[in-house]
């Protein structure tokens, strides 16, 4: 079973990039805060990738879905925004200027549990 990822972003080109890069995962897309919350209420996700425009959503996720990991992506990274994202519960803060392999590696390290040698 592949991991389920909720992408919260209204930029269609970014969503298409993420969907094609993360095609080995089950992807659900929400284009706004209300759709994201509805998706979270209905079903479990292993990871949430949210636009930095959704920082207010992080506080709600932290309160109501404390076990969820959130990665915040941004076009224009800033130290203050990164600090705000981490304070609100993000596990990663990444600029959107990365390669498909970089995105896949970051997501895989968060959702794939390593095999136990035995």
N, C-alpha and C. Protein backbone atom coordinates (compact mmCIF):
# COMPACT_ATOMS: atom_id res chain seq x y z
N UNK A 1 0.85 -1.19 0.00
CA UNK A 1 0.00 0.00 0.00
C UNK A 1 0.88 1.24 0.00
N UNK A 2 0.60 2.17 -0.90
CA UNK A 2 1.42 3.38 -0.97
C UNK A 2 0.91 4.42 0.03
N UNK A 3 1.80 5.29 0.39
CA UNK A 3 1.45 6.36 1.32
C UNK A 3 0.48 7.34 0.66
N UNK A 4 -0.37 7.94 1.50
CA UNK A 4 -1.34 8.93 1.02
C UNK A 4 -0.83 10.31 1.37
N UNK A 5 -0.83 11.20 0.38
CA UNK A 5 -0.32 12.54 0.55
C UNK A 5 -1.39 13.54 0.15
N UNK A 6 -1.63 14.52 1.02
CA UNK A 6 -2.54 15.62 0.72
C UNK A 6 -1.70 16.81 0.30
N UNK A 7 -1.95 17.32 -0.90
CA UNK A 7 -1.28 18.52 -1.38
C UNK A 7 -2.27 19.66 -1.31
N UNK A 8 -1.88 20.73 -0.60
CA UNK A 8 -2.74 21.90 -0.45
C UNK A 8 -2.06 23.06 -1.16
N UNK A 9 -2.54 23.37 -2.35
CA UNK A 9 -1.94 24.42 -3.16
C UNK A 9 -2.90 24.80 -4.27
N UNK A 10 -2.96 26.07 -4.61
CA UNK A 10 -3.85 26.52 -5.68
C UNK A 10 -3.12 26.73 -7.01
N UNK A 11 -1.82 26.56 -7.03
CA UNK A 11 -1.04 26.75 -8.26
C UNK A 11 -1.06 25.46 -9.07
N UNK A 12 -1.82 25.46 -10.16
CA UNK A 12 -2.02 24.22 -10.93
C UNK A 12 -0.71 23.67 -11.49
N UNK A 13 0.21 24.51 -11.91
CA UNK A 13 1.47 23.99 -12.45
C UNK A 13 2.29 23.29 -11.37
N UNK A 14 2.27 23.82 -10.15
CA UNK A 14 2.99 23.17 -9.05
C UNK A 14 2.32 21.84 -8.69
N UNK A 15 1.00 21.83 -8.64
CA UNK A 15 0.27 20.60 -8.30
C UNK A 15 0.56 19.53 -9.35
N UNK A 16 0.55 19.89 -10.62
CA UNK A 16 0.86 18.93 -11.69
C UNK A 16 2.27 18.38 -11.55
N UNK A 17 3.22 19.26 -11.25
CA UNK A 17 4.61 18.85 -11.02
C UNK A 17 4.69 17.85 -9.87
N UNK A 18 4.04 18.17 -8.76
CA UNK A 18 4.09 17.29 -7.59
C UNK A 18 3.41 15.95 -7.88
N UNK A 19 2.27 15.99 -8.55
CA UNK A 19 1.56 14.75 -8.86
C UNK A 19 2.40 13.84 -9.76
N UNK A 20 3.05 14.39 -10.76
CA UNK A 20 3.86 13.54 -11.65
C UNK A 20 5.12 13.05 -10.94
N UNK A 21 5.71 13.89 -10.10
CA UNK A 21 6.92 13.50 -9.37
C UNK A 21 6.61 12.43 -8.33
N UNK A 22 5.47 12.54 -7.70
CA UNK A 22 5.09 11.64 -6.61
C UNK A 22 4.08 10.59 -7.07
N UNK A 23 4.19 10.16 -8.32
CA UNK A 23 3.21 9.24 -8.88
C UNK A 23 3.18 7.88 -8.20
N UNK A 24 4.20 7.54 -7.44
CA UNK A 24 4.20 6.27 -6.69
C UNK A 24 3.36 6.33 -5.43
N UNK A 25 2.88 7.51 -5.10
CA UNK A 25 2.07 7.71 -3.90
C UNK A 25 0.63 8.02 -4.31
N UNK A 26 -0.28 7.82 -3.38
CA UNK A 26 -1.67 8.23 -3.62
C UNK A 26 -1.78 9.70 -3.26
N UNK A 27 -2.15 10.52 -4.24
CA UNK A 27 -2.19 11.97 -4.05
C UNK A 27 -3.64 12.46 -4.06
N UNK A 28 -3.95 13.30 -3.08
CA UNK A 28 -5.23 14.01 -3.04
C UNK A 28 -4.88 15.49 -3.04
N UNK A 29 -5.60 16.27 -3.83
CA UNK A 29 -5.31 17.70 -3.94
C UNK A 29 -6.45 18.52 -3.37
N UNK A 30 -6.09 19.52 -2.58
CA UNK A 30 -7.04 20.51 -2.08
C UNK A 30 -6.51 21.87 -2.50
N UNK A 31 -7.37 22.68 -3.10
CA UNK A 31 -6.90 23.97 -3.60
C UNK A 31 -7.09 25.12 -2.61
N UNK A 32 -7.73 24.82 -1.48
CA UNK A 32 -7.90 25.87 -0.47
C UNK A 32 -8.03 25.24 0.92
N UNK A 33 -8.08 26.09 1.91
CA UNK A 33 -8.12 25.65 3.31
C UNK A 33 -9.35 24.79 3.62
N UNK A 34 -10.51 25.22 3.14
CA UNK A 34 -11.75 24.49 3.42
C UNK A 34 -11.70 23.07 2.83
N UNK A 35 -11.22 22.95 1.60
CA UNK A 35 -11.12 21.64 0.97
C UNK A 35 -10.10 20.77 1.69
N UNK A 36 -9.02 21.37 2.16
CA UNK A 36 -8.01 20.62 2.91
C UNK A 36 -8.58 20.07 4.20
N UNK A 37 -9.31 20.89 4.93
CA UNK A 37 -9.90 20.44 6.19
C UNK A 37 -10.94 19.35 5.96
N UNK A 38 -11.73 19.50 4.91
CA UNK A 38 -12.71 18.46 4.59
C UNK A 38 -12.02 17.15 4.27
N UNK A 39 -10.95 17.20 3.51
CA UNK A 39 -10.21 15.98 3.17
C UNK A 39 -9.61 15.34 4.42
N UNK A 40 -9.06 16.16 5.30
CA UNK A 40 -8.46 15.64 6.54
C UNK A 40 -9.51 15.00 7.44
N UNK A 41 -10.71 15.55 7.47
CA UNK A 41 -11.79 14.99 8.29
C UNK A 41 -12.23 13.63 7.76
N UNK A 42 -12.23 13.48 6.45
CA UNK A 42 -12.76 12.27 5.83
C UNK A 42 -11.79 11.10 5.81
N UNK A 43 -10.50 11.38 5.70
CA UNK A 43 -9.58 10.27 5.49
C UNK A 43 -8.19 10.59 6.02
N UNK A 44 -7.45 9.55 6.33
CA UNK A 44 -6.11 9.71 6.87
C UNK A 44 -5.06 9.94 5.80
N UNK A 45 -4.07 10.71 6.14
CA UNK A 45 -2.96 10.97 5.23
C UNK A 45 -1.66 10.73 5.99
N UNK A 46 -0.67 10.27 5.25
CA UNK A 46 0.64 10.05 5.83
C UNK A 46 1.48 11.32 5.84
N UNK A 47 1.15 12.25 4.95
CA UNK A 47 1.91 13.49 4.83
C UNK A 47 1.03 14.55 4.20
N UNK A 48 1.26 15.79 4.61
CA UNK A 48 0.58 16.93 4.02
C UNK A 48 1.66 17.85 3.47
N UNK A 49 1.50 18.25 2.22
CA UNK A 49 2.40 19.23 1.61
C UNK A 49 1.54 20.45 1.33
N UNK A 50 1.89 21.57 1.97
CA UNK A 50 1.05 22.76 1.87
C UNK A 50 1.85 23.97 1.41
N UNK A 51 1.20 24.80 0.64
CA UNK A 51 1.79 26.06 0.22
C UNK A 51 1.98 26.95 1.44
N UNK A 52 2.98 27.80 1.38
CA UNK A 52 3.22 28.73 2.50
C UNK A 52 2.06 29.70 2.67
N UNK A 53 1.20 29.82 1.66
CA UNK A 53 0.01 30.67 1.80
C UNK A 53 -1.02 30.06 2.75
N UNK A 54 -0.76 28.85 3.20
CA UNK A 54 -1.68 28.13 4.08
C UNK A 54 -1.13 27.98 5.50
N UNK A 55 -0.29 28.89 5.95
CA UNK A 55 0.32 28.76 7.27
C UNK A 55 -0.73 28.72 8.38
N UNK A 56 -1.84 29.42 8.21
CA UNK A 56 -2.89 29.38 9.23
C UNK A 56 -3.48 27.98 9.38
N UNK A 57 -3.41 27.20 8.32
CA UNK A 57 -3.90 25.82 8.35
C UNK A 57 -3.05 24.95 9.28
N UNK A 58 -1.78 25.27 9.41
CA UNK A 58 -0.89 24.48 10.26
C UNK A 58 -1.35 24.45 11.71
N UNK A 59 -1.83 25.56 12.21
CA UNK A 59 -2.29 25.61 13.60
C UNK A 59 -3.48 24.68 13.82
N UNK A 60 -4.39 24.65 12.85
CA UNK A 60 -5.56 23.77 12.94
C UNK A 60 -5.12 22.31 12.87
N UNK A 61 -4.20 22.01 11.97
CA UNK A 61 -3.71 20.64 11.85
C UNK A 61 -3.04 20.22 13.15
N UNK A 62 -2.25 21.09 13.72
CA UNK A 62 -1.55 20.78 14.97
C UNK A 62 -2.55 20.49 16.10
N UNK A 63 -3.64 21.25 16.14
CA UNK A 63 -4.67 21.07 17.17
C UNK A 63 -5.50 19.81 16.96
N UNK A 64 -5.99 19.63 15.73
CA UNK A 64 -6.97 18.57 15.47
C UNK A 64 -6.40 17.30 14.89
N UNK A 65 -5.22 17.38 14.27
CA UNK A 65 -4.62 16.21 13.62
C UNK A 65 -3.13 16.16 14.00
N UNK A 66 -2.87 16.10 15.27
CA UNK A 66 -1.51 16.26 15.81
C UNK A 66 -0.52 15.24 15.27
N UNK A 67 -1.00 14.09 14.81
CA UNK A 67 -0.08 13.06 14.32
C UNK A 67 0.36 13.28 12.87
N UNK A 68 -0.14 14.31 12.23
CA UNK A 68 0.16 14.55 10.82
C UNK A 68 1.45 15.36 10.64
N UNK A 69 2.27 14.93 9.69
CA UNK A 69 3.47 15.66 9.33
C UNK A 69 3.12 16.62 8.20
N UNK A 70 3.62 17.86 8.31
CA UNK A 70 3.35 18.86 7.29
C UNK A 70 4.66 19.41 6.75
N UNK A 71 4.77 19.42 5.43
CA UNK A 71 5.88 20.06 4.74
C UNK A 71 5.33 21.33 4.12
N UNK A 72 5.99 22.45 4.37
CA UNK A 72 5.57 23.72 3.79
C UNK A 72 6.49 24.04 2.63
N UNK A 73 5.90 24.35 1.48
CA UNK A 73 6.64 24.71 0.28
C UNK A 73 6.37 26.18 -0.04
N UNK A 74 7.39 26.86 -0.52
CA UNK A 74 7.24 28.27 -0.83
C UNK A 74 8.04 28.66 -2.06
N UNK A 75 7.53 29.65 -2.77
CA UNK A 75 8.23 30.19 -3.93
C UNK A 75 9.30 31.18 -3.46
N UNK A 76 8.98 31.95 -2.43
CA UNK A 76 9.90 32.97 -1.93
C UNK A 76 10.23 32.69 -0.46
N UNK A 77 11.23 31.85 -0.22
CA UNK A 77 11.57 31.52 1.17
C UNK A 77 12.12 32.73 1.93
N UNK A 78 11.78 32.77 3.21
CA UNK A 78 12.33 33.81 4.08
C UNK A 78 12.58 33.19 5.45
N UNK A 79 13.60 33.66 6.15
CA UNK A 79 13.88 33.12 7.48
C UNK A 79 12.70 33.28 8.44
N UNK A 80 12.00 34.42 8.37
CA UNK A 80 10.86 34.63 9.28
C UNK A 80 9.71 33.68 8.98
N UNK A 81 9.43 33.50 7.71
CA UNK A 81 8.36 32.58 7.33
C UNK A 81 8.72 31.14 7.73
N UNK A 82 9.98 30.77 7.56
CA UNK A 82 10.42 29.43 7.96
C UNK A 82 10.23 29.24 9.46
N UNK A 83 10.61 30.23 10.24
CA UNK A 83 10.44 30.17 11.69
C UNK A 83 8.97 30.04 12.05
N UNK A 84 8.12 30.83 11.40
CA UNK A 84 6.67 30.74 11.65
C UNK A 84 6.14 29.34 11.31
N UNK A 85 6.59 28.80 10.18
CA UNK A 85 6.12 27.47 9.76
C UNK A 85 6.52 26.41 10.79
N UNK A 86 7.76 26.44 11.25
CA UNK A 86 8.20 25.46 12.24
C UNK A 86 7.48 25.64 13.57
N UNK A 87 7.25 26.87 13.97
CA UNK A 87 6.52 27.12 15.22
C UNK A 87 5.09 26.61 15.15
N UNK A 88 4.52 26.62 13.95
CA UNK A 88 3.14 26.16 13.78
C UNK A 88 3.04 24.67 13.49
N UNK A 89 4.19 23.98 13.48
CA UNK A 89 4.14 22.52 13.38
C UNK A 89 4.71 21.89 12.13
N UNK A 90 5.26 22.65 11.21
CA UNK A 90 5.85 22.05 10.01
C UNK A 90 7.07 21.21 10.38
N UNK A 91 7.26 20.11 9.65
CA UNK A 91 8.45 19.29 9.87
C UNK A 91 9.54 19.63 8.87
N UNK A 92 9.18 20.27 7.76
CA UNK A 92 10.13 20.75 6.76
C UNK A 92 9.59 22.04 6.16
N UNK A 93 10.51 22.88 5.72
CA UNK A 93 10.19 24.12 5.03
C UNK A 93 11.11 24.16 3.83
N UNK A 94 10.53 24.07 2.64
CA UNK A 94 11.35 23.94 1.44
C UNK A 94 10.95 24.94 0.36
N UNK A 95 11.95 25.49 -0.32
CA UNK A 95 11.64 26.33 -1.49
C UNK A 95 11.17 25.43 -2.63
N UNK A 96 10.33 25.97 -3.50
CA UNK A 96 9.81 25.17 -4.62
C UNK A 96 10.82 25.07 -5.77
N UNK A 97 12.01 25.57 -5.57
CA UNK A 97 13.03 25.52 -6.62
C UNK A 97 13.92 24.30 -6.47
N UNK A 98 13.35 23.13 -6.62
CA UNK A 98 14.11 21.90 -6.48
C UNK A 98 13.78 20.97 -7.63
N UNK A 99 14.61 19.96 -7.77
CA UNK A 99 14.39 18.99 -8.85
C UNK A 99 13.35 17.97 -8.41
N UNK A 100 12.80 17.24 -9.37
CA UNK A 100 11.87 16.17 -9.02
C UNK A 100 12.51 15.16 -8.06
N UNK A 101 13.79 14.83 -8.28
CA UNK A 101 14.46 13.89 -7.38
C UNK A 101 14.55 14.42 -5.97
N UNK A 102 14.81 15.72 -5.82
CA UNK A 102 14.87 16.32 -4.49
C UNK A 102 13.53 16.19 -3.77
N UNK A 103 12.45 16.48 -4.48
CA UNK A 103 11.12 16.37 -3.88
C UNK A 103 10.84 14.93 -3.48
N UNK A 104 11.11 14.01 -4.38
CA UNK A 104 10.86 12.60 -4.09
C UNK A 104 11.67 12.13 -2.89
N UNK A 105 12.92 12.53 -2.79
CA UNK A 105 13.76 12.15 -1.64
C UNK A 105 13.20 12.71 -0.33
N UNK A 106 12.80 13.98 -0.33
CA UNK A 106 12.27 14.61 0.89
C UNK A 106 10.99 13.92 1.34
N UNK A 107 10.13 13.62 0.42
CA UNK A 107 8.86 12.96 0.76
C UNK A 107 9.13 11.54 1.24
N UNK A 108 9.97 10.82 0.52
CA UNK A 108 10.26 9.43 0.89
C UNK A 108 10.87 9.32 2.28
N UNK A 109 11.73 10.25 2.64
CA UNK A 109 12.33 10.17 3.98
C UNK A 109 11.31 10.39 5.09
N UNK A 110 10.20 11.03 4.78
CA UNK A 110 9.17 11.28 5.78
C UNK A 110 8.09 10.20 5.85
N UNK A 111 7.82 9.53 4.74
CA UNK A 111 6.70 8.59 4.74
C UNK A 111 7.07 7.12 4.62
N UNK A 112 8.28 6.81 4.24
CA UNK A 112 8.67 5.42 4.09
C UNK A 112 9.42 4.97 5.34
N UNK A 113 8.91 3.93 5.96
CA UNK A 113 9.55 3.38 7.15
C UNK A 113 10.62 2.41 6.70
N UNK A 114 11.87 2.60 7.15
CA UNK A 114 12.93 1.68 6.72
C UNK A 114 12.68 0.25 7.19
N UNK A 115 13.11 -0.70 6.38
CA UNK A 115 12.96 -2.12 6.74
C UNK A 115 13.88 -2.44 7.92
N UNK A 116 13.39 -3.30 8.78
CA UNK A 116 14.18 -3.70 9.95
C UNK A 116 14.95 -4.97 9.58
N UNK A 117 16.25 -4.91 9.79
CA UNK A 117 17.08 -6.09 9.48
C UNK A 117 16.83 -7.16 10.55
N UNK A 118 16.78 -8.35 10.15
CA UNK A 118 16.51 -9.36 11.15
C UNK A 118 16.92 -10.66 10.75
